[in-house]
Amino acid sequence: KINYKKVLPILLCIMIAFFSMKILTPVFTSPKTYQKTIQSLDKKKKVVLALTAATTATSVAISLLPGDAGTPIADKAADVSSYLVIVLCTIFFEKYMLTVLGGATFFVLIPLICALCIVCNLTGQKQFIKLSIKVSFFALVLSTAIPLSIKISDMIEDTYQSSIESTVKDVNKAADEIRDKSNEEKSVFEEFVSKIKNGAGGILKTMEKKINNLVEAMAVLIVTTCLIPIAVVILFIWLCKIILGIQITLPNKKEKQI
């Protein structure tokens, strides 16, 4: 006699695993599925490249100023550029991990969950179903952490987008003015140098303020690109521990006699 209570769940798990590997895996490993997310990452990449170009132009322009008064500001601009490289690497990492994590979820983890359910059904040991629930939460974290974090970061960046764009324009404009003056005739440039020597303090303060604006824009990008994904993953792990680690203590039936 066929025990349908055991056979039907096994067949259902096999069908789910086959559907996940053959149908869902090609969908969630295709860049078209994450088109909006990839567009958002490309937009972040353009902002980072613009900020990198602005910091480089600022550092070069400050180095044209006479004396060593602008050296600390130029070094600060170079430091900003190095941090922006880290942000750019994070953007590329998130962009390529979208399809990788999608494939890992639907080609590896979902069939693994089905296999654990089959083993639990055949052996009757409940630890396999508990393990399958934990793997299910892990699959949920892998498949949703990056898209969810990018949506949250987009909400934050929309608030600072105009200020970041105006910062890039101001810094490039100030750097172009110094660079254009230095490319003019020698007599004009000597006059420009004398003016700078007389008002170097004001120029350096202006450039320092613009560098500070670049640092603020860089901080926003670090928070939205690097810290928010980490925070989302930590939040998922915390929720998994709460949901899977709940221990219900029943009251003791034995009461103390007075």
Protein backbone atom coordinates (compact mmCIF):
# COMPACT_ATOMS: atom_id res chain seq x y z
CA LYS A 1 0.00 0.00 0.00
CA ILE A 2 1.16 3.51 -0.82
CA ASN A 3 1.40 5.84 2.12
CA TYR A 4 0.17 9.04 0.50
CA LYS A 5 0.90 11.06 3.63
CA LYS A 6 4.59 10.46 2.98
CA VAL A 7 4.67 10.26 -0.82
CA LEU A 8 2.72 13.43 -1.64
CA PRO A 9 4.89 15.80 0.49
CA ILE A 10 8.01 14.23 -1.04
CA LEU A 11 6.69 14.73 -4.57
CA LEU A 12 5.73 18.29 -3.71
CA CYS A 13 9.24 19.05 -2.41
CA ILE A 14 10.80 17.55 -5.54
CA MET A 15 8.54 19.68 -7.75
CA ILE A 16 9.39 22.84 -5.79
CA ALA A 17 13.12 22.10 -6.03
CA PHE A 18 12.88 21.42 -9.77
CA PHE A 19 10.82 24.59 -10.34
CA SER A 20 13.30 26.66 -8.34
CA MET A 21 16.35 25.32 -10.19
CA LYS A 22 14.97 25.33 -13.73
CA ILE A 23 12.48 28.22 -13.75
CA LEU A 24 13.34 30.67 -10.95
CA THR A 25 17.14 30.47 -11.14
CA PRO A 26 17.38 31.87 -14.71
CA VAL A 27 14.98 34.66 -13.73
CA PHE A 28 16.82 35.74 -10.58
CA THR A 29 20.27 35.46 -12.17
CA SER A 30 19.31 37.75 -15.06
CA PRO A 31 20.29 41.45 -14.83
CA LYS A 32 16.89 42.36 -16.31
CA THR A 33 15.21 41.26 -13.08
CA TYR A 34 17.24 43.81 -11.14
CA GLN A 35 17.04 46.56 -13.76
CA LYS A 36 15.79 49.28 -11.40
CA THR A 37 18.30 48.32 -8.73
CA ILE A 38 21.16 48.34 -11.25
CA GLN A 39 20.04 51.74 -12.55
CA SER A 40 20.14 53.08 -9.01
CA LEU A 41 23.66 51.69 -8.53
CA ASP A 42 24.78 53.21 -11.84
CA LYS A 43 23.42 56.54 -10.68
CA LYS A 44 25.44 56.25 -7.46
CA LYS A 45 28.50 55.36 -9.53
CA LYS A 46 28.15 58.54 -11.60
CA VAL A 47 27.91 60.63 -8.43
CA VAL A 48 31.02 58.97 -6.98
CA LEU A 49 32.98 59.51 -10.21
CA ALA A 50 31.90 63.17 -10.29
CA LEU A 51 33.02 63.65 -6.69
CA THR A 52 36.32 61.91 -7.42
CA ALA A 53 36.97 64.17 -10.40
CA ALA A 54 36.08 67.23 -8.28
CA THR A 55 38.46 66.27 -5.47
CA THR A 56 41.27 65.56 -7.93
CA ALA A 57 40.73 68.90 -9.67
CA THR A 58 40.69 70.67 -6.32
CA SER A 59 43.92 69.03 -5.21
CA VAL A 60 45.66 69.98 -8.47
CA ALA A 61 44.33 73.55 -8.34
CA ILE A 62 45.45 74.08 -4.75
CA SER A 63 48.92 72.79 -5.62
CA LEU A 64 49.21 75.71 -8.08
CA LEU A 65 48.92 78.23 -5.26
CA PRO A 66 52.24 79.77 -4.16
CA GLY A 67 53.78 78.54 -0.93
CA ASP A 68 52.92 75.55 1.22
CA ALA A 69 49.83 77.00 2.88
CA GLY A 70 47.51 74.95 0.71
CA THR A 71 49.30 71.61 1.23
CA PRO A 72 47.06 70.42 4.13
CA ILE A 73 43.94 71.16 2.09
CA ALA A 74 45.36 69.33 -0.94
CA ASP A 75 46.17 66.34 1.28
CA LYS A 76 42.65 66.41 2.67
CA ALA A 77 41.24 66.38 -0.87
CA ALA A 78 43.45 63.38 -1.70
CA ASP A 79 42.12 61.55 1.37
CA VAL A 80 38.55 62.17 0.24
CA SER A 81 39.41 60.69 -3.15
CA SER A 82 40.81 57.52 -1.54
CA TYR A 83 37.62 57.01 0.48
CA LEU A 84 35.52 57.48 -2.65
CA VAL A 85 37.42 54.59 -4.25
CA ILE A 86 36.16 52.37 -1.41
CA VAL A 87 32.59 53.53 -2.07
CA LEU A 88 33.02 52.80 -5.79
CA CYS A 89 34.30 49.28 -5.05
CA THR A 90 31.29 48.69 -2.78
CA ILE A 91 28.92 49.77 -5.56
CA PHE A 92 30.51 47.32 -8.02
CA PHE A 93 30.39 44.58 -5.37
CA GLU A 94 26.67 45.12 -4.74
CA LYS A 95 25.96 45.27 -8.47
CA TYR A 96 27.54 41.89 -9.21
CA MET A 97 26.36 40.19 -6.03
CA LEU A 98 22.71 40.73 -6.99
CA THR A 99 22.75 37.93 -9.57
CA VAL A 100 25.18 35.78 -7.57
CA LEU A 101 23.01 35.80 -4.45
CA GLY A 102 19.89 35.21 -6.55
CA GLY A 103 21.48 32.10 -8.04
CA ALA A 104 22.69 30.89 -4.64
CA THR A 105 19.20 31.29 -3.19
CA PHE A 106 17.14 29.57 -5.88
CA PHE A 107 19.67 27.03 -7.18
CA VAL A 108 21.23 25.93 -3.87
CA LEU A 109 19.25 26.98 -0.81
CA ILE A 110 15.68 26.27 -1.99
CA PRO A 111 16.56 22.70 -3.13
CA LEU A 112 18.44 22.25 0.16
CA ILE A 113 15.32 23.25 2.09
CA CYS A 114 13.28 20.76 0.08
CA ALA A 115 15.85 18.02 0.73
CA LEU A 116 15.73 18.69 4.47
CA CYS A 117 11.92 18.48 4.42
CA ILE A 118 12.13 15.13 2.59
CA VAL A 119 14.60 13.76 5.13
CA CYS A 120 12.36 14.95 7.96
CA ASN A 121 9.38 13.26 6.32
CA LEU A 122 11.23 9.95 5.90
CA THR A 123 12.94 9.82 9.28
CA GLY A 124 10.43 11.68 11.42
CA GLN A 125 13.21 13.66 13.13
CA LYS A 126 12.10 17.22 13.84
CA GLN A 127 15.56 18.75 13.87
CA PHE A 128 15.62 18.62 10.07
CA ILE A 129 12.50 20.75 9.77
CA LYS A 130 13.98 23.23 12.27
CA LEU A 131 17.15 23.35 10.18
CA SER A 132 15.09 23.92 7.03
CA ILE A 133 13.36 26.89 8.69
CA LYS A 134 16.74 28.41 9.55
CA VAL A 135 17.96 27.91 5.98
CA SER A 136 14.74 29.54 4.75
CA PHE A 137 15.43 32.68 6.77
CA PHE A 138 19.02 32.68 5.50
CA ALA A 139 17.72 32.47 1.92
CA LEU A 140 15.38 35.37 2.65
CA VAL A 141 18.31 37.45 3.90
CA LEU A 142 20.43 36.69 0.82
CA SER A 143 17.72 37.45 -1.70
CA THR A 144 16.38 40.67 -0.18
CA ALA A 145 19.23 42.34 1.72
CA ILE A 146 20.84 44.23 -1.18
CA PRO A 147 17.62 45.35 -2.99
CA LEU A 148 16.05 46.47 0.29
CA SER A 149 19.17 48.35 1.41
CA ILE A 150 19.43 50.12 -1.94
CA LYS A 151 15.80 51.27 -1.73
CA ILE A 152 16.44 52.66 1.75
CA SER A 153 19.62 54.40 0.60
CA ASP A 154 17.77 55.93 -2.37
CA MET A 155 15.27 57.50 0.02
CA ILE A 156 18.12 59.10 1.97
CA GLU A 157 20.08 60.20 -1.09
CA ASP A 158 17.06 61.94 -2.60
CA THR A 159 17.26 64.41 0.28
CA TYR A 160 20.94 65.22 -0.36
CA GLN A 161 21.03 64.85 -4.15
CA SER A 162 20.69 68.56 -4.94
CA SER A 163 23.29 69.55 -2.35
CA ILE A 164 25.77 66.97 -3.68
CA GLU A 165 25.33 68.23 -7.25
CA SER A 166 25.76 71.87 -6.21
CA THR A 167 28.89 70.93 -4.22
CA VAL A 168 30.45 69.27 -7.27
CA LYS A 169 29.66 72.28 -9.46
CA ASP A 170 31.07 74.79 -6.96
CA VAL A 171 34.28 72.85 -6.44
CA ASN A 172 34.86 72.36 -10.16
CA LYS A 173 34.17 76.03 -10.82
CA ALA A 174 36.67 77.19 -8.18
CA ALA A 175 39.29 74.75 -9.45
CA ASP A 176 38.77 75.87 -13.06
CA GLU A 177 39.22 79.53 -12.11
CA ILE A 178 42.60 78.86 -10.49
CA ARG A 179 43.70 76.58 -13.33
CA ASP A 180 42.62 79.05 -16.05
CA LYS A 181 44.51 81.88 -14.39
CA SER A 182 47.66 79.79 -14.22
CA ASN A 183 47.47 79.03 -17.97
CA GLU A 184 47.42 82.70 -18.98
CA GLU A 185 50.46 84.79 -19.93
CA LYS A 186 53.30 85.06 -17.46
CA SER A 187 52.76 88.72 -16.65
CA VAL A 188 49.10 88.12 -15.94
CA PHE A 189 49.94 85.08 -13.86
CA GLU A 190 52.50 87.03 -11.81
CA GLU A 191 49.79 89.61 -11.09
CA PHE A 192 47.48 86.77 -10.14
CA VAL A 193 50.15 85.34 -7.80
CA SER A 194 50.60 88.69 -6.11
CA LYS A 195 46.86 88.92 -5.55
CA ILE A 196 46.87 85.44 -4.10
CA LYS A 197 49.72 86.27 -1.75
CA ASN A 198 47.79 89.26 -0.48
CA GLY A 199 44.51 87.36 -0.08
CA ALA A 200 45.70 83.79 0.32
CA GLY A 201 43.91 83.38 3.62
CA GLY A 202 40.51 84.10 2.11
CA ILE A 203 41.10 81.80 -0.87
CA LEU A 204 42.25 78.94 1.33
CA LYS A 205 39.28 79.38 3.65
CA THR A 206 36.96 79.24 0.64
CA MET A 207 38.63 76.10 -0.70
CA GLU A 208 38.59 74.53 2.76
CA LYS A 209 34.87 75.15 3.00
CA LYS A 210 34.34 73.49 -0.36
CA ILE A 211 36.45 70.51 0.73
CA ASN A 212 34.31 70.21 3.84
CA ASN A 213 31.25 70.09 1.61
CA LEU A 214 32.92 67.28 -0.34
CA VAL A 215 33.59 65.43 2.91
CA GLU A 216 29.92 65.76 3.86
CA ALA A 217 28.84 64.40 0.47
CA MET A 218 31.33 61.55 0.86
CA ALA A 219 29.93 60.75 4.32
CA VAL A 220 26.41 60.52 2.88
CA LEU A 221 27.63 58.10 0.21
CA ILE A 222 29.47 55.96 2.75
CA VAL A 223 26.36 55.74 4.93
CA THR A 224 23.98 54.95 2.07
CA THR A 225 26.29 52.62 0.14
CA CYS A 226 28.33 50.82 2.81
CA LEU A 227 26.67 51.12 6.22
CA ILE A 228 22.99 50.68 5.31
CA PRO A 229 23.51 47.24 3.64
CA ILE A 230 25.44 46.08 6.71
CA ALA A 231 22.69 47.43 8.98
CA VAL A 232 19.99 45.65 6.95
CA VAL A 233 21.84 42.32 7.19
CA ILE A 234 22.34 42.78 10.95
CA LEU A 235 18.64 43.60 11.32
CA PHE A 236 17.67 40.43 9.45
CA ILE A 237 20.00 38.33 11.60
CA TRP A 238 18.57 39.89 14.75
CA LEU A 239 15.01 39.15 13.60
CA CYS A 240 15.98 35.58 12.75
CA LYS A 241 17.39 35.10 16.24
CA ILE A 242 14.24 36.51 17.79
CA ILE A 243 11.90 34.40 15.66
CA LEU A 244 13.89 31.17 15.82
CA GLY A 245 15.25 31.53 19.31
CA ILE A 246 12.02 32.10 21.25
CA GLN A 247 11.84 29.91 24.32
CA ILE A 248 8.48 29.59 26.03
CA THR A 249 8.78 28.57 29.67
CA LEU A 250 5.68 26.92 31.06
CA PRO A 251 4.74 27.56 34.68
CA ASN A 252 5.74 24.86 37.12
CA LYS A 253 2.78 22.73 38.15
CA LYS A 254 4.28 21.97 41.49
CA GLU A 255 3.46 24.74 43.90
CA LYS A 256 5.27 25.30 47.08
CA GLN A 257 3.30 24.30 50.09
CA ILE A 258 2.94 26.93 52.76
